[in-house]
C-alpha atoms as a PDB file:
ATOM      1  CA  MET A   1      10.840   5.535 -20.871  1.00  0.00           C
ATOM      2  CA  GLN A   2      11.651   1.848 -20.902  1.00  0.00           C
ATOM      3  CA  ALA A   3       9.588  -1.212 -21.682  1.00  0.00           C
ATOM      4  CA  VAL A   4       9.765  -4.585 -19.946  1.00  0.00           C
ATOM      5  CA  ASN A   5       7.823  -7.723 -20.626  1.00  0.00           C
ATOM      6  CA  ILE A   6       6.090  -9.746 -17.938  1.00  0.00           C
ATOM      7  CA  ARG A   7       8.904 -12.321 -17.809  1.00  0.00           C
ATOM      8  CA  GLN A   8      11.514  -9.602 -17.205  1.00  0.00           C
ATOM      9  CA  LEU A   9       9.331  -8.099 -14.506  1.00  0.00           C
ATOM     10  CA  LYS A  10       8.965 -11.457 -12.747  1.00  0.00           C
ATOM     11  CA  THR A  11      12.660 -12.271 -13.071  1.00  0.00           C
ATOM     12  CA  ASN A  12      14.035  -8.944 -11.871  1.00  0.00           C
ATOM     13  CA  PRO A  13      11.412  -6.616 -10.382  1.00  0.00           C
ATOM     14  CA  SER A  14      14.067  -4.461  -8.707  1.00  0.00           C
ATOM     15  CA  ALA A  15      15.525  -3.553 -12.116  1.00  0.00           C
ATOM     16  CA  ALA A  16      12.085  -2.398 -13.285  1.00  0.00           C
ATOM     17  CA  LEU A  17      11.639  -0.340 -10.108  1.00  0.00           C
ATOM     18  CA  ALA A  18      15.060   1.234 -10.557  1.00  0.00           C
ATOM     19  CA  ALA A  19      14.211   2.054 -14.170  1.00  0.00           C
ATOM     20  CA  ALA A  20      10.948   3.668 -13.052  1.00  0.00           C
ATOM     21  CA  ARG A  21      12.849   5.724 -10.489  1.00  0.00           C
ATOM     22  CA  GLU A  22      15.422   6.856 -13.060  1.00  0.00           C
ATOM     23  CA  ASP A  23      13.302   7.177 -16.217  1.00  0.00           C
ATOM     24  CA  ASP A  24       9.963   8.371 -14.778  1.00  0.00           C
ATOM     25  CA  MET A  25       8.021   5.304 -15.937  1.00  0.00           C
ATOM     26  CA  VAL A  26       8.278   1.811 -17.337  1.00  0.00           C
ATOM     27  CA  VAL A  27       5.747   0.279 -19.715  1.00  0.00           C
ATOM     28  CA  VAL A  28       4.904  -3.331 -18.874  1.00  0.00           C
ATOM     29  CA  MET A  29       4.238  -5.314 -22.027  1.00  0.00           C
ATOM     30  CA  ASN A  30       2.082  -8.418 -22.262  1.00  0.00           C
ATOM     31  CA  ARG A  31       2.367 -10.289 -25.562  1.00  0.00           C
ATOM     32  CA  ASP A  32       3.858  -7.229 -27.261  1.00  0.00           C
ATOM     33  CA  ARG A  33       1.000  -5.000 -26.113  1.00  0.00           C
ATOM     34  CA  PRO A  34       1.314  -2.351 -23.405  1.00  0.00           C
ATOM     35  CA  GLN A  35      -0.669  -3.406 -20.369  1.00  0.00           C
ATOM     36  CA  ALA A  36       0.503  -1.333 -17.416  1.00  0.00           C
ATOM     37  CA  LEU A  37       2.695   1.547 -16.348  1.00  0.00           C
ATOM     38  CA  LEU A  38       5.152   1.322 -13.514  1.00  0.00           C
ATOM     39  CA  VAL A  39       5.660   4.779 -12.017  1.00  0.00           C
ATOM     40  CA  ASP A  40       7.821   5.714  -9.053  1.00  0.00           C
ATOM     41  CA  LEU A  41       5.645   7.741  -6.694  1.00  0.00           C
ATOM     42  CA  GLU A  42       8.482  10.139  -5.949  1.00  0.00           C
ATOM     43  CA  GLN A  43       8.742  10.969  -9.671  1.00  0.00           C
ATOM     44  CA  LEU A  44       5.077  11.957  -9.950  1.00  0.00           C
ATOM     45  CA  GLY A  45       5.828  15.368  -8.517  1.00  0.00           C
ATOM     46  CA  VAL A  46       2.697  15.249  -6.393  1.00  0.00           C
ATOM     47  CA  PRO A  47       2.832  18.165  -3.958  1.00  0.00           C
ATOM     48  CA  ASP A  48       1.507  16.086  -1.042  1.00  0.00           C
ATOM     49  CA  LEU A  49       2.872  12.558  -1.530  1.00  0.00           C
ATOM     50  CA  PRO A  50       2.077  11.479   2.055  1.00  0.00           C
ATOM     51  CA  ALA A  51      -1.609  12.254   1.403  1.00  0.00           C
ATOM     52  CA  VAL A  52      -1.492  10.170  -1.781  1.00  0.00           C
ATOM     53  CA  ARG A  53      -0.041   7.269   0.196  1.00  0.00           C
ATOM     54  CA  VAL A  54      -2.820   7.540   2.787  1.00  0.00           C
ATOM     55  CA  ALA A  55      -5.517   7.708   0.101  1.00  0.00           C
ATOM     56  CA  LEU A  56      -4.038   4.667  -1.630  1.00  0.00           C
ATOM     57  CA  ALA A  57      -3.875   2.741   1.651  1.00  0.00           C
ATOM     58  CA  VAL A  58      -7.483   3.591   2.507  1.00  0.00           C
ATOM     59  CA  ALA A  59      -8.685   2.582  -0.967  1.00  0.00           C
ATOM     60  CA  LEU A  60      -6.801  -0.720  -0.845  1.00  0.00           C
ATOM     61  CA  PHE A  61      -8.140  -1.523   2.628  1.00  0.00           C
ATOM     62  CA  ARG A  62     -11.704  -0.497   1.756  1.00  0.00           C
ATOM     63  CA  GLY A  63     -11.577  -2.742  -1.313  1.00  0.00           C
ATOM     64  CA  GLY A  64     -10.424  -5.678   0.787  1.00  0.00           C
ATOM     65  CA  SER A  65      -7.106  -5.961  -1.032  1.00  0.00           C
ATOM     66  CA  VAL A  66      -4.897  -5.446   2.026  1.00  0.00           C
ATOM     67  CA  SER A  67      -5.028  -5.800   5.785  1.00  0.00           C
ATOM     68  CA  ALA A  68      -5.091  -2.846   8.153  1.00  0.00           C
ATOM     69  CA  GLY A  69      -1.455  -3.531   9.047  1.00  0.00           C
ATOM     70  CA  PHE A  70      -0.392  -3.482   5.412  1.00  0.00           C
ATOM     71  CA  ALA A  71      -2.451  -0.324   4.811  1.00  0.00           C
ATOM     72  CA  ALA A  72      -0.613   1.311   7.725  1.00  0.00           C
ATOM     73  CA  ARG A  73       2.734   0.455   6.121  1.00  0.00           C
ATOM     74  CA  VAL A  74       1.597   1.841   2.743  1.00  0.00           C
ATOM     75  CA  ALA A  75       0.471   5.051   4.455  1.00  0.00           C
ATOM     76  CA  ALA A  76       3.661   5.207   6.573  1.00  0.00           C
ATOM     77  CA  LYS A  77       1.495   5.541   9.686  1.00  0.00           C
ATOM     78  CA  PRO A  78       1.542   3.705  12.990  1.00  0.00           C
ATOM     79  CA  LEU A  79      -1.110   0.983  13.072  1.00  0.00           C
ATOM     80  CA  ALA A  80      -3.099   2.692  15.828  1.00  0.00           C
ATOM     81  CA  GLU A  81      -3.242   5.914  13.833  1.00  0.00           C
ATOM     82  CA  MET A  82      -4.316   4.044  10.692  1.00  0.00           C
ATOM     83  CA  LEU A  83      -7.062   2.198  12.556  1.00  0.00           C
ATOM     84  CA  THR A  84      -8.326   5.495  13.943  1.00  0.00           C
ATOM     85  CA  LEU A  85      -8.257   7.079  10.502  1.00  0.00           C
ATOM     86  CA  LEU A  86     -10.187   4.184   8.950  1.00  0.00           C
ATOM     87  CA  SER A  87     -12.695   4.169  11.782  1.00  0.00           C
ATOM     88  CA  ASN A  88     -13.226   7.933  11.570  1.00  0.00           C
ATOM     89  CA  GLN A  89     -14.063   7.518   7.893  1.00  0.00           C
ATOM     90  CA  GLY A  90     -16.735   4.971   8.756  1.00  0.00           C
ATOM     91  CA  ILE A  91     -14.832   2.071   7.235  1.00  0.00           C
ATOM     92  CA  ALA A  92     -15.558  -1.224   8.964  1.00  0.00           C
ATOM     93  CA  LEU A  93     -12.377  -2.641  10.424  1.00  0.00           C
ATOM     94  CA  THR A  94     -13.585  -6.230  10.135  1.00  0.00           C
ATOM     95  CA  GLY A  95     -15.141  -8.021   7.233  1.00  0.00           C
ATOM     96  CA  ASP A  96     -17.681 -10.803   7.245  1.00  0.00           C
ATOM     97  CA  SER A  97     -15.135 -13.574   7.572  1.00  0.00           C
ATOM     98  CA  GLN A  98     -13.755 -15.020  10.789  1.00  0.00           C
ATOM     99  CA  ALA A  99     -10.213 -14.578   9.447  1.00  0.00           C
ATOM    100  CA  ALA A 100     -10.784 -10.846   9.017  1.00  0.00           C
ATOM    101  CA  ALA A 101     -12.172 -10.583  12.542  1.00  0.00           C
ATOM    102  CA  ASP A 102      -9.188 -12.509  13.953  1.00  0.00           C
ATOM    103  CA  GLU A 103      -6.778 -10.283  12.042  1.00  0.00           C
ATOM    104  CA  ALA A 104      -8.508  -7.167  13.351  1.00  0.00           C
ATOM    105  CA  ARG A 105      -8.271  -8.448  16.931  1.00  0.00           C
ATOM    106  CA  GLY A 106      -4.546  -9.093  16.409  1.00  0.00           C
ATOM    107  CA  ASP A 107      -4.102  -5.612  14.952  1.00  0.00           C
ATOM    108  CA  MET A 108      -5.871  -4.093  17.937  1.00  0.00           C
ATOM    109  CA  ARG A 109      -3.670  -6.058  20.387  1.00  0.00           C
ATOM    110  CA  ARG A 110      -0.538  -4.826  18.615  1.00  0.00           C
ATOM    111  CA  ALA A 111      -1.901  -1.263  18.582  1.00  0.00           C
ATOM    112  CA  SER A 112      -2.643  -1.447  22.318  1.00  0.00           C
ATOM    113  CA  LYS A 113       0.881  -2.708  23.054  1.00  0.00           C
ATOM    114  CA  TRP A 114       2.361   0.049  20.897  1.00  0.00           C
ATOM    115  CA  LEU A 115       0.291   2.672  22.687  1.00  0.00           C
ATOM    116  CA  ALA A 116       1.305   1.303  26.085  1.00  0.00           C
ATOM    117  CA  LYS A 117       4.992   1.538  25.122  1.00  0.00           C
ATOM    118  CA  SER A 118       4.687   5.071  23.743  1.00  0.00           C
ATOM    119  CA  VAL A 119       2.925   6.327  26.889  1.00  0.00           C
ATOM    120  CA  ALA A 120       5.494   4.794  29.248  1.00  0.00           C
END
């Protein structure tokens, strides 16, 4: 296990990620106090890592932290499949803001184009 401070993490995040991949986890220190753990998902040994990725993506989207497109990338799913999954779980695909509605319309256009290509 390694420890990095916030400055090191900001300066070279790829080194911290590599350390997490090699050493199982990295402790992120803030003012000489441990604040967070950086863990490589592959090292967790979770039997169904794809399901963990989907659950994480759904939670991030539901909390409003990420867009549907970003959630799809986290889940390693095509956007259309992610939108269907979110919808089937009763999660609103648009928020109260106009920006969220515009983003959802853009996501749906991209999903429709992707579907049209895959059918052809």
